[in-house]
């Protein structure tokens, strides 16, 4: 039996090695890029978390000081009222005692006034901090952070923007921030998010649509037919999306923030595409978090 030796030309072996090397380099670059995007997302989320924790801790300490000063001021006022009642009864029978009581009343009044002024000072400092919190002017910076993390953000704005109360501006910013973070979390890098602000005479409509389902299917599909299968949907899927009730801590917080300023919040799946979040504020121009009545009319 004759043995046949198969000899591969060196050129063929070199070509195979070159192809394998290129493939390994591409896989390594993809892994590095994915790791970098993940690191950017984690660092951005960590910065937001730290900022929130520091702000909450500072405000908590500020409120504790205000409560203590209020208690002191209440005691000072109670003592002032007691001495005033005593001075009233001794004014006719013992004028000298009434004079001393009046002098003490003046001193007690000054102490109580100083305590109340300290309360107002600390409260105003807290208001200034709240005013400097992220608002709509920070939206473009937020878009930049999300793009670095792998989320493609397209922004459009229509209508005439009007000034908002600091609390309303912060609430809208947090809704926007949460919606974009959810889009990146569930859709992954490569997801596209379309953000729109539509201003009316007295209100604002905020809309965030993403294609997270399509983005995830595109990454996981090996062929066009596989992609089509992953993104296919039926009429039943549409009906289910219309009737489904989305829950979760993030959705609940966004809904509560919207309702605080008279907003109507909706969130739901768009079958075969992604997710949609909307918050409509009909009377945002006049809303202060308590009521939305136009007090200027």
C-alpha atoms as a PDB file:
ATOM      1  CA  UNK A   1       0.000   0.000   0.000  1.00  0.00           C
ATOM      2  CA  UNK A   2       1.490   3.271  -1.129  1.00  0.00           C
ATOM      3  CA  UNK A   3       1.468   6.274   1.195  1.00  0.00           C
ATOM      4  CA  UNK A   4       0.619   9.657  -0.303  1.00  0.00           C
ATOM      5  CA  UNK A   5       2.129  12.732   1.332  1.00  0.00           C
ATOM      6  CA  UNK A   6       0.210  15.967   0.976  1.00  0.00           C
ATOM      7  CA  UNK A   7       2.392  19.044   1.051  1.00  0.00           C
ATOM      8  CA  UNK A   8       0.855  22.492   1.474  1.00  0.00           C
ATOM      9  CA  UNK A   9       2.684  25.275  -0.290  1.00  0.00           C
ATOM     10  CA  UNK A  10       4.223  27.836   2.044  1.00  0.00           C
ATOM     11  CA  UNK A  11       2.221  30.559   0.312  1.00  0.00           C
ATOM     12  CA  UNK A  12      -1.062  28.852   1.240  1.00  0.00           C
ATOM     13  CA  UNK A  13       0.015  28.375   4.850  1.00  0.00           C
ATOM     14  CA  UNK A  14       1.089  32.004   5.095  1.00  0.00           C
ATOM     15  CA  UNK A  15      -2.246  33.168   3.691  1.00  0.00           C
ATOM     16  CA  UNK A  16      -4.159  31.060   6.217  1.00  0.00           C
ATOM     17  CA  UNK A  17      -2.070  32.440   9.066  1.00  0.00           C
ATOM     18  CA  UNK A  18      -2.591  35.989   7.807  1.00  0.00           C
ATOM     19  CA  UNK A  19      -6.363  35.518   7.670  1.00  0.00           C
ATOM     20  CA  UNK A  20      -6.397  34.043  11.170  1.00  0.00           C
ATOM     21  CA  UNK A  21      -4.259  36.913  12.455  1.00  0.00           C
ATOM     22  CA  UNK A  22      -6.551  39.527  10.919  1.00  0.00           C
ATOM     23  CA  UNK A  23      -9.614  37.759  12.339  1.00  0.00           C
ATOM     24  CA  UNK A  24      -8.066  37.620  15.807  1.00  0.00           C
ATOM     25  CA  UNK A  25      -7.120  41.307  15.629  1.00  0.00           C
ATOM     26  CA  UNK A  26     -10.663  42.245  14.578  1.00  0.00           C
ATOM     27  CA  UNK A  27     -12.159  40.186  17.407  1.00  0.00           C
ATOM     28  CA  UNK A  28      -9.741  41.773  19.870  1.00  0.00           C
ATOM     29  CA  UNK A  29     -10.599  45.283  18.655  1.00  0.00           C
ATOM     30  CA  UNK A  30     -14.321  44.542  18.943  1.00  0.00           C
ATOM     31  CA  UNK A  31     -13.834  43.230  22.479  1.00  0.00           C
ATOM     32  CA  UNK A  32     -11.813  46.312  23.449  1.00  0.00           C
ATOM     33  CA  UNK A  33     -14.444  48.641  21.961  1.00  0.00           C
ATOM     34  CA  UNK A  34     -17.240  46.816  23.791  1.00  0.00           C
ATOM     35  CA  UNK A  35     -15.305  46.963  27.052  1.00  0.00           C
ATOM     36  CA  UNK A  36     -14.643  50.671  26.551  1.00  0.00           C
ATOM     37  CA  UNK A  37     -18.321  51.411  25.910  1.00  0.00           C
ATOM     38  CA  UNK A  38     -19.272  49.403  28.971  1.00  0.00           C
ATOM     39  CA  UNK A  39     -16.715  51.286  31.045  1.00  0.00           C
ATOM     40  CA  UNK A  40     -18.043  54.634  29.801  1.00  0.00           C
ATOM     41  CA  UNK A  41     -21.610  53.582  30.676  1.00  0.00           C
ATOM     42  CA  UNK A  42     -20.592  52.444  34.166  1.00  0.00           C
ATOM     43  CA  UNK A  43     -18.570  55.599  34.833  1.00  0.00           C
ATOM     44  CA  UNK A  44     -21.409  57.851  33.647  1.00  0.00           C
ATOM     45  CA  UNK A  45     -23.926  56.003  35.818  1.00  0.00           C
ATOM     46  CA  UNK A  46     -21.526  56.118  38.761  1.00  0.00           C
ATOM     47  CA  UNK A  47     -21.062  59.888  38.395  1.00  0.00           C
ATOM     48  CA  UNK A  48     -24.819  60.400  38.381  1.00  0.00           C
ATOM     49  CA  UNK A  49     -25.254  58.139  41.419  1.00  0.00           C
ATOM     50  CA  UNK A  50     -22.515  59.896  43.410  1.00  0.00           C
ATOM     51  CA  UNK A  51     -23.898  63.346  42.553  1.00  0.00           C
ATOM     52  CA  UNK A  52     -27.369  62.293  43.679  1.00  0.00           C
ATOM     53  CA  UNK A  53     -26.101  60.750  46.916  1.00  0.00           C
ATOM     54  CA  UNK A  54     -24.040  63.832  47.786  1.00  0.00           C
ATOM     55  CA  UNK A  55     -26.944  66.143  46.996  1.00  0.00           C
ATOM     56  CA  UNK A  56     -29.392  64.064  49.051  1.00  0.00           C
ATOM     57  CA  UNK A  57     -26.969  63.808  51.982  1.00  0.00           C
ATOM     58  CA  UNK A  58     -26.380  67.548  51.968  1.00  0.00           C
ATOM     59  CA  UNK A  59     -30.080  68.355  51.768  1.00  0.00           C
ATOM     60  CA  UNK A  60     -30.835  65.839  54.540  1.00  0.00           C
ATOM     61  CA  UNK A  61     -28.287  67.510  56.815  1.00  0.00           C
ATOM     62  CA  UNK A  62     -29.646  70.926  55.910  1.00  0.00           C
ATOM     63  CA  UNK A  63     -33.204  69.877  56.789  1.00  0.00           C
ATOM     64  CA  UNK A  64     -32.017  68.463  60.127  1.00  0.00           C
ATOM     65  CA  UNK A  65     -30.401  71.808  61.001  1.00  0.00           C
ATOM     66  CA  UNK A  66     -33.547  73.675  59.956  1.00  0.00           C
ATOM     67  CA  UNK A  67     -35.696  71.456  62.192  1.00  0.00           C
ATOM     68  CA  UNK A  68     -33.396  72.036  65.164  1.00  0.00           C
ATOM     69  CA  UNK A  69     -33.377  75.806  64.653  1.00  0.00           C
ATOM     70  CA  UNK A  70     -37.149  75.817  64.255  1.00  0.00           C
ATOM     71  CA  UNK A  71     -37.526  74.000  67.585  1.00  0.00           C
ATOM     72  CA  UNK A  72     -35.272  76.569  69.247  1.00  0.00           C
ATOM     73  CA  UNK A  73     -37.187  79.445  67.665  1.00  0.00           C
ATOM     74  CA  UNK A  74     -40.516  77.963  68.814  1.00  0.00           C
ATOM     75  CA  UNK A  75     -39.228  77.705  72.395  1.00  0.00           C
ATOM     76  CA  UNK A  76     -37.987  81.301  72.262  1.00  0.00           C
ATOM     77  CA  UNK A  77     -41.352  82.522  71.008  1.00  0.00           C
ATOM     78  CA  UNK A  78     -43.212  80.509  73.663  1.00  0.00           C
ATOM     79  CA  UNK A  79     -41.028  82.046  76.378  1.00  0.00           C
ATOM     80  CA  UNK A  80     -41.597  85.494  74.877  1.00  0.00           C
ATOM     81  CA  UNK A  81     -45.390  85.045  74.962  1.00  0.00           C
ATOM     82  CA  UNK A  82     -45.286  83.803  78.571  1.00  0.00           C
ATOM     83  CA  UNK A  83     -43.277  86.823  79.708  1.00  0.00           C
ATOM     84  CA  UNK A  84     -45.541  89.173  77.757  1.00  0.00           C
ATOM     85  CA  UNK A  85     -48.577  87.789  79.578  1.00  0.00           C
ATOM     86  CA  UNK A  86     -46.808  88.230  82.921  1.00  0.00           C
ATOM     87  CA  UNK A  87     -45.828  91.812  82.089  1.00  0.00           C
ATOM     88  CA  UNK A  88     -49.424  92.615  81.196  1.00  0.00           C
ATOM     89  CA  UNK A  89     -50.670  91.538  84.641  1.00  0.00           C
ATOM     90  CA  UNK A  90     -47.916  93.377  86.583  1.00  0.00           C
ATOM     91  CA  UNK A  91     -47.964  96.608  84.571  1.00  0.00           C
ATOM     92  CA  UNK A  92     -50.394  98.363  86.943  1.00  0.00           C
ATOM     93  CA  UNK A  93     -49.467  96.767  90.274  1.00  0.00           C
ATOM     94  CA  UNK A  94     -45.673  96.734  89.889  1.00  0.00           C
ATOM     95  CA  UNK A  95     -44.429  99.093  87.156  1.00  0.00           C
ATOM     96  CA  UNK A  96     -40.731  98.407  87.867  1.00  0.00           C
ATOM     97  CA  UNK A  97     -41.242  94.666  87.410  1.00  0.00           C
ATOM     98  CA  UNK A  98     -43.139  95.362  84.201  1.00  0.00           C
ATOM     99  CA  UNK A  99     -40.197  97.416  82.902  1.00  0.00           C
ATOM    100  CA  UNK A 100     -37.764  94.590  83.649  1.00  0.00           C
ATOM    101  CA  UNK A 101     -40.144  92.142  81.966  1.00  0.00           C
ATOM    102  CA  UNK A 102     -40.366  94.393  78.912  1.00  0.00           C
ATOM    103  CA  UNK A 103     -36.554  94.518  78.717  1.00  0.00           C
ATOM    104  CA  UNK A 104     -36.409  90.720  78.861  1.00  0.00           C
ATOM    105  CA  UNK A 105     -39.102  90.560  76.191  1.00  0.00           C
ATOM    106  CA  UNK A 106     -36.983  92.660  73.847  1.00  0.00           C
ATOM    107  CA  UNK A 107     -34.002  90.345  74.390  1.00  0.00           C
ATOM    108  CA  UNK A 108     -36.115  87.217  73.869  1.00  0.00           C
ATOM    109  CA  UNK A 109     -37.541  88.746  70.697  1.00  0.00           C
ATOM    110  CA  UNK A 110     -34.064  89.430  69.337  1.00  0.00           C
ATOM    111  CA  UNK A 111     -32.963  85.848  70.046  1.00  0.00           C
ATOM    112  CA  UNK A 112     -36.065  84.408  68.366  1.00  0.00           C
ATOM    113  CA  UNK A 113     -35.594  86.711  65.373  1.00  0.00           C
ATOM    114  CA  UNK A 114     -31.951  85.641  65.034  1.00  0.00           C
ATOM    115  CA  UNK A 115     -32.982  81.961  65.106  1.00  0.00           C
ATOM    116  CA  UNK A 116     -35.611  82.521  62.432  1.00  0.00           C
ATOM    117  CA  UNK A 117     -33.122  84.400  60.268  1.00  0.00           C
ATOM    118  CA  UNK A 118     -30.713  81.469  60.511  1.00  0.00           C
ATOM    119  CA  UNK A 119     -33.503  79.136  59.403  1.00  0.00           C
ATOM    120  CA  UNK A 120     -34.227  81.363  56.387  1.00  0.00           C
ATOM    121  CA  UNK A 121     -30.537  81.615  55.494  1.00  0.00           C
ATOM    122  CA  UNK A 122     -30.057  77.848  55.471  1.00  0.00           C
ATOM    123  CA  UNK A 123     -33.305  77.320  53.561  1.00  0.00           C
ATOM    124  CA  UNK A 124     -32.250  79.867  50.917  1.00  0.00           C
ATOM    125  CA  UNK A 125     -28.870  78.183  50.555  1.00  0.00           C
ATOM    126  CA  UNK A 126     -30.689  74.907  49.931  1.00  0.00           C
ATOM    127  CA  UNK A 127     -32.914  76.629  47.356  1.00  0.00           C
ATOM    128  CA  UNK A 128     -29.824  77.966  45.586  1.00  0.00           C
ATOM    129  CA  UNK A 129     -28.387  74.451  45.436  1.00  0.00           C
ATOM    130  CA  UNK A 130     -31.644  73.115  44.010  1.00  0.00           C
ATOM    131  CA  UNK A 131     -31.639  75.927  41.439  1.00  0.00           C
ATOM    132  CA  UNK A 132     -28.147  74.926  40.301  1.00  0.00           C
ATOM    133  CA  UNK A 133     -29.200  71.286  39.867  1.00  0.00           C
ATOM    134  CA  UNK A 134     -29.133  69.813  36.342  1.00  0.00           C
ATOM    135  CA  UNK A 135     -31.774  71.265  34.064  1.00  0.00           C
ATOM    136  CA  UNK A 136     -32.631  71.477  30.387  1.00  0.00           C
ATOM    137  CA  UNK A 137     -29.459  73.498  29.794  1.00  0.00           C
ATOM    138  CA  UNK A 138     -27.559  70.327  30.759  1.00  0.00           C
ATOM    139  CA  UNK A 139     -29.409  68.131  28.244  1.00  0.00           C
ATOM    140  CA  UNK A 140     -26.762  68.444  25.530  1.00  0.00           C
ATOM    141  CA  UNK A 141     -24.060  67.417  28.004  1.00  0.00           C
ATOM    142  CA  UNK A 142     -26.214  64.409  28.900  1.00  0.00           C
ATOM    143  CA  UNK A 143     -26.510  63.534  25.208  1.00  0.00           C
ATOM    144  CA  UNK A 144     -22.718  63.647  24.920  1.00  0.00           C
ATOM    145  CA  UNK A 145     -22.263  61.282  27.861  1.00  0.00           C
ATOM    146  CA  UNK A 146     -24.793  58.832  26.429  1.00  0.00           C
ATOM    147  CA  UNK A 147     -23.144  58.948  22.987  1.00  0.00           C
ATOM    148  CA  UNK A 148     -19.785  58.128  24.562  1.00  0.00           C
ATOM    149  CA  UNK A 149     -21.454  55.137  26.206  1.00  0.00           C
ATOM    150  CA  UNK A 150     -22.684  53.828  22.844  1.00  0.00           C
ATOM    151  CA  UNK A 151     -26.181  55.338  22.486  1.00  0.00           C
ATOM    152  CA  UNK A 152     -26.814  57.325  19.296  1.00  0.00           C
ATOM    153  CA  UNK A 153     -28.959  60.322  20.287  1.00  0.00           C
ATOM    154  CA  UNK A 154     -30.829  62.529  17.800  1.00  0.00           C
ATOM    155  CA  UNK A 155     -32.451  65.659  19.261  1.00  0.00           C
ATOM    156  CA  UNK A 156     -35.106  67.950  17.792  1.00  0.00           C
ATOM    157  CA  UNK A 157     -36.931  70.896  19.354  1.00  0.00           C
ATOM    158  CA  UNK A 158     -39.901  72.879  18.090  1.00  0.00           C
ATOM    159  CA  UNK A 159     -41.971  75.746  19.429  1.00  0.00           C
ATOM    160  CA  UNK A 160     -40.919  78.644  21.629  1.00  0.00           C
ATOM    161  CA  UNK A 161     -39.183  77.586  24.823  1.00  0.00           C
ATOM    162  CA  UNK A 162     -40.211  79.446  27.992  1.00  0.00           C
ATOM    163  CA  UNK A 163     -38.569  79.594  31.448  1.00  0.00           C
ATOM    164  CA  UNK A 164     -39.484  76.813  33.863  1.00  0.00           C
ATOM    165  CA  UNK A 165     -39.533  76.567  37.634  1.00  0.00           C
ATOM    166  CA  UNK A 166     -36.314  74.888  38.884  1.00  0.00           C
ATOM    167  CA  UNK A 167     -38.254  71.896  40.216  1.00  0.00           C
ATOM    168  CA  UNK A 168     -40.054  71.331  36.908  1.00  0.00           C
ATOM    169  CA  UNK A 169     -36.821  71.644  34.951  1.00  0.00           C
ATOM    170  CA  UNK A 170     -35.081  69.110  37.190  1.00  0.00           C
ATOM    171  CA  UNK A 171     -38.024  66.685  36.924  1.00  0.00           C
ATOM    172  CA  UNK A 172     -37.961  66.802  33.112  1.00  0.00           C
ATOM    173  CA  UNK A 173     -34.187  66.337  33.070  1.00  0.00           C
ATOM    174  CA  UNK A 174     -34.461  63.254  35.306  1.00  0.00           C
ATOM    175  CA  UNK A 175     -37.192  61.757  33.100  1.00  0.00           C
ATOM    176  CA  UNK A 176     -34.988  62.298  30.051  1.00  0.00           C
ATOM    177  CA  UNK A 177     -31.955  60.867  31.847  1.00  0.00           C
ATOM    178  CA  UNK A 178     -33.814  57.749  33.007  1.00  0.00           C
ATOM    179  CA  UNK A 179     -35.353  57.100  29.586  1.00  0.00           C
ATOM    180  CA  UNK A 180     -31.987  57.311  27.814  1.00  0.00           C
ATOM    181  CA  UNK A 181     -30.307  55.132  30.450  1.00  0.00           C
ATOM    182  CA  UNK A 182     -33.029  52.493  29.999  1.00  0.00           C
ATOM    183  CA  UNK A 183     -32.632  52.623  26.216  1.00  0.00           C
ATOM    184  CA  UNK A 184     -28.911  51.909  26.519  1.00  0.00           C
ATOM    185  CA  UNK A 185     -29.410  49.271  29.210  1.00  0.00           C
ATOM    186  CA  UNK A 186     -32.006  47.233  27.317  1.00  0.00           C
ATOM    187  CA  UNK A 187     -30.971  47.958  23.734  1.00  0.00           C
ATOM    188  CA  UNK A 188     -27.218  47.945  24.222  1.00  0.00           C
ATOM    189  CA  UNK A 189     -24.521  49.837  22.280  1.00  0.00           C
ATOM    190  CA  UNK A 190     -25.644  50.853  18.814  1.00  0.00           C
ATOM    191  CA  UNK A 191     -29.180  51.680  19.913  1.00  0.00           C
ATOM    192  CA  UNK A 192     -30.577  54.895  18.447  1.00  0.00           C
ATOM    193  CA  UNK A 193     -32.712  57.226  20.581  1.00  0.00           C
ATOM    194  CA  UNK A 194     -34.742  60.082  19.129  1.00  0.00           C
ATOM    195  CA  UNK A 195     -35.528  62.850  21.617  1.00  0.00           C
ATOM    196  CA  UNK A 196     -37.960  65.663  20.868  1.00  0.00           C
ATOM    197  CA  UNK A 197     -39.146  68.705  22.817  1.00  0.00           C
ATOM    198  CA  UNK A 198     -42.388  70.197  21.502  1.00  0.00           C
ATOM    199  CA  UNK A 199     -43.294  73.486  23.170  1.00  0.00           C
ATOM    200  CA  UNK A 200     -46.827  74.854  23.104  1.00  0.00           C
ATOM    201  CA  UNK A 201     -48.092  78.153  24.446  1.00  0.00           C
ATOM    202  CA  UNK A 202     -48.236  76.886  28.038  1.00  0.00           C
ATOM    203  CA  UNK A 203     -46.920  73.330  27.887  1.00  0.00           C
ATOM    204  CA  UNK A 204     -44.304  70.869  26.738  1.00  0.00           C
ATOM    205  CA  UNK A 205     -44.328  67.401  25.206  1.00  0.00           C
ATOM    206  CA  UNK A 206     -41.248  65.257  25.829  1.00  0.00           C
ATOM    207  CA  UNK A 207     -40.840  62.189  23.613  1.00  0.00           C
ATOM    208  CA  UNK A 208     -38.056  59.577  23.658  1.00  0.00           C
ATOM    209  CA  UNK A 209     -38.228  56.746  21.103  1.00  0.00           C
ATOM    210  CA  UNK A 210     -35.528  54.085  20.753  1.00  0.00           C
ATOM    211  CA  UNK A 211     -34.894  51.118  18.466  1.00  0.00           C
ATOM    212  CA  UNK A 212     -33.491  48.845  21.159  1.00  0.00           C
ATOM    213  CA  UNK A 213     -35.226  45.711  19.836  1.00  0.00           C
ATOM    214  CA  UNK A 214     -33.829  46.234  16.337  1.00  0.00           C
ATOM    215  CA  UNK A 215     -30.363  47.100  17.677  1.00  0.00           C
ATOM    216  CA  UNK A 216     -30.208  43.954  19.810  1.00  0.00           C
ATOM    217  CA  UNK A 217     -31.502  41.817  16.929  1.00  0.00           C
ATOM    218  CA  UNK A 218     -28.917  43.304  14.579  1.00  0.00           C
ATOM    219  CA  UNK A 219     -26.074  42.365  16.925  1.00  0.00           C
ATOM    220  CA  UNK A 220     -27.376  38.850  17.510  1.00  0.00           C
ATOM    221  CA  UNK A 221     -28.464  37.957  13.964  1.00  0.00           C
ATOM    222  CA  UNK A 222     -26.247  35.909  11.687  1.00  0.00           C
ATOM    223  CA  UNK A 223     -28.218  36.676   8.518  1.00  0.00           C
ATOM    224  CA  UNK A 224     -30.881  39.046   7.154  1.00  0.00           C
ATOM    225  CA  UNK A 225     -33.513  36.333   7.530  1.00  0.00           C
ATOM    226  CA  UNK A 226     -32.528  35.835  11.158  1.00  0.00           C
ATOM    227  CA  UNK A 227     -32.821  39.598  11.748  1.00  0.00           C
ATOM    228  CA  UNK A 228     -36.249  39.660  10.090  1.00  0.00           C
ATOM    229  CA  UNK A 229     -37.415  36.802  12.302  1.00  0.00           C
ATOM    230  CA  UNK A 230     -36.235  38.527  15.483  1.00  0.00           C
ATOM    231  CA  UNK A 231     -37.978  41.804  14.616  1.00  0.00           C
ATOM    232  CA  UNK A 232     -41.200  40.328  13.206  1.00  0.00           C
ATOM    233  CA  UNK A 233     -44.461  41.122  14.985  1.00  0.00           C
ATOM    234  CA  UNK A 234     -48.177  40.528  14.568  1.00  0.00           C
ATOM    235  CA  UNK A 235     -51.409  42.407  15.182  1.00  0.00           C
ATOM    236  CA  UNK A 236     -51.665  40.577  18.503  1.00  0.00           C
ATOM    237  CA  UNK A 237     -48.290  42.035  19.471  1.00  0.00           C
ATOM    238  CA  UNK A 238     -49.598  45.524  18.677  1.00  0.00           C
ATOM    239  CA  UNK A 239     -52.740  44.965  20.742  1.00  0.00           C
ATOM    240  CA  UNK A 240     -50.697  43.621  23.645  1.00  0.00           C
ATOM    241  CA  UNK A 241     -48.382  46.643  23.515  1.00  0.00           C
ATOM    242  CA  UNK A 242     -51.366  48.991  23.637  1.00  0.00           C
ATOM    243  CA  UNK A 243     -52.854  47.306  26.695  1.00  0.00           C
ATOM    244  CA  UNK A 244     -49.743  46.318  28.633  1.00  0.00           C
ATOM    245  CA  UNK A 245     -48.911  48.073  31.893  1.00  0.00           C
ATOM    246  CA  UNK A 246     -45.203  48.775  32.205  1.00  0.00           C
ATOM    247  CA  UNK A 247     -43.883  48.624  35.768  1.00  0.00           C
ATOM    248  CA  UNK A 248     -40.549  48.931  37.504  1.00  0.00           C
ATOM    249  CA  UNK A 249     -38.834  51.393  39.828  1.00  0.00           C
ATOM    250  CA  UNK A 250     -37.496  53.570  37.010  1.00  0.00           C
ATOM    251  CA  UNK A 251     -40.856  53.809  35.235  1.00  0.00           C
ATOM    252  CA  UNK A 252     -42.634  54.559  38.523  1.00  0.00           C
ATOM    253  CA  UNK A 253     -40.211  57.372  39.358  1.00  0.00           C
ATOM    254  CA  UNK A 254     -40.605  58.914  35.907  1.00  0.00           C
ATOM    255  CA  UNK A 255     -44.396  58.749  36.200  1.00  0.00           C
ATOM    256  CA  UNK A 256     -44.345  60.345  39.667  1.00  0.00           C
ATOM    257  CA  UNK A 257     -42.036  63.141  38.494  1.00  0.00           C
ATOM    258  CA  UNK A 258     -44.381  63.881  35.596  1.00  0.00           C
ATOM    259  CA  UNK A 259     -47.537  63.800  37.724  1.00  0.00           C
ATOM    260  CA  UNK A 260     -45.997  66.178  40.256  1.00  0.00           C
ATOM    261  CA  UNK A 261     -46.128  68.910  37.602  1.00  0.00           C
ATOM    262  CA  UNK A 262     -49.454  67.971  36.057  1.00  0.00           C
ATOM    263  CA  UNK A 263     -47.905  65.731  33.415  1.00  0.00           C
ATOM    264  CA  UNK A 264     -49.401  62.736  31.620  1.00  0.00           C
ATOM    265  CA  UNK A 265     -46.828  59.942  31.412  1.00  0.00           C
ATOM    266  CA  UNK A 266     -46.862  56.971  29.044  1.00  0.00           C
ATOM    267  CA  UNK A 267     -44.318  54.244  28.373  1.00  0.00           C
ATOM    268  CA  UNK A 268     -44.587  51.152  26.251  1.00  0.00           C
ATOM    269  CA  UNK A 269     -43.008  48.725  23.836  1.00  0.00           C
ATOM    270  CA  UNK A 270     -43.088  49.371  20.087  1.00  0.00           C
ATOM    271  CA  UNK A 271     -43.204  45.804  18.678  1.00  0.00           C
ATOM    272  CA  UNK A 272     -40.303  44.967  16.427  1.00  0.00           C
ATOM    273  CA  UNK A 273     -38.643  48.335  17.049  1.00  0.00           C
ATOM    274  CA  UNK A 274     -37.966  49.312  20.646  1.00  0.00           C
ATOM    275  CA  UNK A 275     -39.458  51.400  23.429  1.00  0.00           C
ATOM    276  CA  UNK A 276     -41.264  54.738  23.651  1.00  0.00           C
ATOM    277  CA  UNK A 277     -41.540  57.182  26.563  1.00  0.00           C
ATOM    278  CA  UNK A 278     -43.664  60.328  26.519  1.00  0.00           C
ATOM    279  CA  UNK A 279     -44.489  62.980  29.097  1.00  0.00           C
ATOM    280  CA  UNK A 280     -47.004  65.696  28.232  1.00  0.00           C
ATOM    281  CA  UNK A 281     -47.243  68.768  30.486  1.00  0.00           C
ATOM    282  CA  UNK A 282     -50.289  70.843  29.412  1.00  0.00           C
ATOM    283  CA  UNK A 283     -49.806  73.758  31.859  1.00  0.00           C
ATOM    284  CA  UNK A 284     -46.106  73.588  32.658  1.00  0.00           C
ATOM    285  CA  UNK A 285     -45.615  77.345  32.331  1.00  0.00           C
ATOM    286  CA  UNK A 286     -47.692  77.963  35.465  1.00  0.00           C
ATOM    287  CA  UNK A 287     -47.098  74.750  37.403  1.00  0.00           C
ATOM    288  CA  UNK A 288     -45.070  74.930  40.623  1.00  0.00           C
ATOM    289  CA  UNK A 289     -45.455  71.334  41.764  1.00  0.00           C
ATOM    290  CA  UNK A 290     -48.639  72.089  43.728  1.00  0.00           C
ATOM    291  CA  UNK A 291     -51.096  73.386  41.152  1.00  0.00           C
ATOM    292  CA  UNK A 292     -51.129  74.443  37.530  1.00  0.00           C
ATOM    293  CA  UNK A 293     -53.447  77.422  37.762  1.00  0.00           C
ATOM    294  CA  UNK A 294     -52.455  80.556  35.873  1.00  0.00           C
ATOM    295  CA  UNK A 295     -52.212  83.033  38.745  1.00  0.00           C
ATOM    296  CA  UNK A 296     -51.424  85.941  36.406  1.00  0.00           C
ATOM    297  CA  UNK A 297     -54.944  86.025  34.926  1.00  0.00           C
END
